[in-house]
Amino acid sequence: MNEQDDTTSNTFDTEFFSEPANVLWDAQLTQQLRVLLHADRLLSLQSRDEHRSPEFQHYASLSLALKLFDLIITHTGLGQDIEHRQAIEELLPLLEAMDRGAGIEPERTRAVRMAERVLATLYNEEERRGPFKLDYTTFEQGEAVKRTLSVRLLEERHHVDGRTVLRLSNECANLLLNALTVNLEDAQVAAEAIIEWQLKRGRIQEARGSAQWALQHSMRLREHMEHRLQDSRRDLHSVDWREEMRHMLDDALLHVRTRCTVEHSIVATAREQREQLEPGSRQAYQLAEIIELIETCRQQHLMLERRLMEAPRIFFEEQERQIFTLRPLLLFPHPQNDLLAPLLSLPRAHVVQTLDTIVSACFPASAPGMFSLARYLHYLLQPRREAQVDSIPIQPRELIDTNYDQTRFTVEMVERAEHYLAALEQPKRLSEVVLAAQDAGESVAVLEVLVFLVMDYFDEQDSPEPEKLPVYVLKTDTQQFWLSNVAGDDVVLFPKQNRKEHQHAF
């Protein structure tokens, strides 16, 4: 009997340990684990408070951080974005209240230093404002895998008006909005569904708060989609236009049009309820605010719809522009590694002093944003200056006709490049011809002329005498090439005399 029990126990252990880890570990657990890790850096603020000097231990860093996040979310996208200095001023009343609660005389200098420390922690100044690196373990195909999660909480960005404002990362904003496991589209659908339900139940005050969250989701969705579209302008190959972007654009257009219909229904419901209330009442005022917020959401969606409809045109323009690209020489310093990283390691005063000395060289002179009547009157009231005609003698010059065409390549360079094309006897790839010229010791200028001639011969209709072209250029597939100086489509060059027979072969 004991032997049978032992056998059963051993069988159970064998079956348990032979069970693959991907069955015991659901993929949803990995997502939930990543969600919990996003809160790790925020919760670590409390442990930091215990290790501060005694004069700062009565301050609650986590409360200050949440207040700062709320300020940034409330003002983002409404023309009232928070700057670093404004954030410190907004935290000072809370720090003063903490001083009084601890029985300590409030001191502005100490409070400012504490606010700076909280911001520095959220910036991750210890790692030069890079992302927080958090290690975790997950299970894939029966194996334990260690991975690293990059988390950002707070960062400074350049605003369109020239200021440097504070922005929360998407992870941090989702953490505050209780939507870490929900994407932007689903979060917005849920927010507007809540608004409709609250209006039907007469919970107008709660519907107003939900409308504010819906507006934040609308602005974040528009910024996210515009950022994805902007990536294609930087590098066409960084975005998968064949599969990913095509499905994303279709889904986004469907989402935007559905949201516009729902938002129109919400506005109509709010207006009907407002007409039944006494004008000037508190609930009528709240309904007017809800209507304004939802109309702003609708405008955000209409702007996004316009950008989404222009996205295919942007793709074709960038595809045409980036089809042949000369490889740039890496002679300039790397902006992030050689310039930004050393500056971030310096104190703020040194950074400001350094930037003040070079800003005039980085940015051109800018005209005033609008016409100033005061400046114009001041200009008209200035005393007139006498023109000194004969102060500098002007020597008359003899004008002659000249050729205004400034050629970069000499005639000899063009002839050497045409020689390689005229010498073709069999179809060859462009990369083979360029490599042959490069192995023959030709200069970079001759290689560039060779590529430009192939681009010129690509469309026979653009040539006034197509029958005199030495080769025919055809793109038979999507093969690419990348050499030391040029890159692009690896087209096929057919000799003129035997073009038809080789076309059938390819």
Foldseek 3Di string as FASTA:
>chain_A
DVVVVVVVVVVVVVVVVVPFVCVVAPPVVVLVVVLVVLCVLLVCQLVVLVVDDPVRNLDRLSVLLLVLLVVQLLCPPVPRFAALVNSLVVCLVVVCVSCVVVVHHDDSVVSSVVSVVSVCSLLVLVVLSFFDWDWDWDHDRRDIDIDIDTYHAKDWDADPVGGIGIDGDPSNNCVSVVRNVPDLLVVLVVLLVVLVVCLVVVVLVVSLVSLSVNLSSLVVVLVVVVVLLVVCLVPVVVDDPVPDVVVVLVVLLVSLVVLLVSLVVSLVSLVVVLVVDDPPDPSNVSSVSSNVSSVSSNVSSVVSNVVSVCSVVSSVVSCVVVQKDWDDDPPDDDCVPPPSSVLSNDDPVVNVVVCVVCVPVVDDDDDDPDDDPVVVVVVVPDDDDDDDDVPDDDDDDDDDDDDPDDDPDDPVLLVVLVVLLLPDDAKDWLVVSLVVCVVVVDDPSSSVSNVVLLVVQADLVVDPCSLPDQWHWDQPDQDKDDDPTIIHGGIMTGGNVPRVVVVVVD
